Amino acid sequence: MAYTRIDYRHVDLHPSGAALTVSRLANGAALLQWTHYFAGACEVWRATKPDFSDALLIGASPTGVFVDNSPLPKAFYSVLYGG
């Protein structure tokens, strides 16, 4: 059986092309790290819904590292170039 009518599309979850990693620190904070390609700060957004309809700007970083000291039990993060 051939699936010739299926349209496969790549979905880029991080528009900057950088891989975002999130890990938990010993004090409970969330450590976000990404490859920083641009000069200037990147905005860090946190949401409770995967579609980011309730996203809040929680900070910015020019270095590719950010610590969320008040993480939620379940959260989604996005890092966007702010420049």
Protein backbone atom coordinates (compact mmCIF):
# COMPACT_ATOMS: atom_id res chain seq x y z
CA MET A 1 0.00 0.00 0.00
CA ALA A 2 1.41 3.41 -0.95
CA TYR A 3 0.72 6.62 0.94
CA THR A 4 1.08 9.10 -1.89
CA ARG A 5 -1.51 11.56 -0.57
CA ILE A 6 0.18 12.23 2.77
CA ASP A 7 1.86 15.62 2.96
CA TYR A 8 4.81 15.46 5.36
CA ARG A 9 5.85 18.81 6.80
CA HIS A 10 8.67 19.72 9.15
CA VAL A 11 7.57 21.70 12.19
CA ASP A 12 10.30 23.86 13.74
CA LEU A 13 9.52 24.16 17.45
CA HIS A 14 12.36 26.65 18.01
CA PRO A 15 12.33 29.30 15.25
CA SER A 16 15.89 30.39 16.07
CA GLY A 17 17.16 26.95 15.13
CA ALA A 18 18.80 26.57 18.53
CA ALA A 19 18.16 23.59 20.74
CA LEU A 20 16.68 24.61 24.10
CA THR A 21 17.44 22.40 27.09
CA VAL A 22 15.76 22.69 30.47
CA SER A 23 17.04 21.01 33.63
CA ARG A 24 16.18 21.21 37.32
CA LEU A 25 18.75 22.61 39.76
CA ALA A 26 19.22 21.30 43.32
CA ASN A 27 17.28 24.27 44.74
CA GLY A 28 14.26 23.53 42.49
CA ALA A 29 14.91 26.31 39.96
CA ALA A 30 14.76 25.58 36.23
CA LEU A 31 17.96 26.10 34.23
CA LEU A 32 17.40 26.98 30.55
CA GLN A 33 20.33 26.78 28.13
CA TRP A 34 20.52 27.37 24.39
CA THR A 35 23.10 28.23 21.74
CA HIS A 36 23.17 32.00 21.48
CA TYR A 37 23.66 32.97 17.82
CA PHE A 38 22.88 36.70 17.97
CA ALA A 39 24.30 39.80 19.58
CA GLY A 40 21.75 41.08 22.09
CA ALA A 41 19.27 39.62 24.50
CA CYS A 42 16.84 36.76 23.93
CA GLU A 43 13.43 36.86 25.61
CA VAL A 44 12.44 33.91 27.79
CA TRP A 45 8.73 33.03 27.80
CA ARG A 46 6.91 30.54 30.05
CA ALA A 47 3.45 29.05 29.50
CA THR A 48 1.23 26.41 31.05
CA LYS A 49 -0.38 25.49 27.70
CA PRO A 50 1.60 23.89 24.86
CA ASP A 51 0.15 26.37 22.34
CA PHE A 52 1.62 29.27 24.40
CA SER A 53 -1.75 31.06 24.48
CA ASP A 54 -1.08 32.04 28.12
CA ALA A 55 2.66 32.78 27.77
CA LEU A 56 4.32 35.34 30.02
CA LEU A 57 7.65 37.05 29.48
CA ILE A 58 9.73 36.04 32.52
CA GLY A 59 13.10 37.54 31.59
CA ALA A 60 15.86 38.01 29.07
CA SER A 61 19.44 36.83 28.61
CA PRO A 62 22.27 37.88 26.28
CA THR A 63 24.33 34.77 27.13
CA GLY A 64 22.22 31.69 26.29
CA VAL A 65 21.57 30.84 29.95
CA PHE A 66 18.59 31.75 32.14
CA VAL A 67 17.45 30.54 35.57
CA ASP A 68 13.72 30.47 36.34
CA ASN A 69 13.71 30.76 40.14
CA SER A 70 9.93 30.33 40.34
CA PRO A 71 9.20 27.40 38.02
CA LEU A 72 5.73 25.95 37.77
CA PRO A 73 5.06 22.23 38.34
CA LYS A 74 4.36 21.93 34.60
CA ALA A 75 5.62 24.59 32.22
CA PHE A 76 6.56 25.13 28.59
CA TYR A 77 9.42 27.47 27.69
CA SER A 78 10.31 29.39 24.57
CA VAL A 79 13.31 31.58 23.86
CA LEU A 80 12.96 34.24 21.19
CA TYR A 81 15.47 36.74 19.87
CA GLY A 82 14.47 40.10 21.29
CA GLY A 83 16.68 42.35 19.16
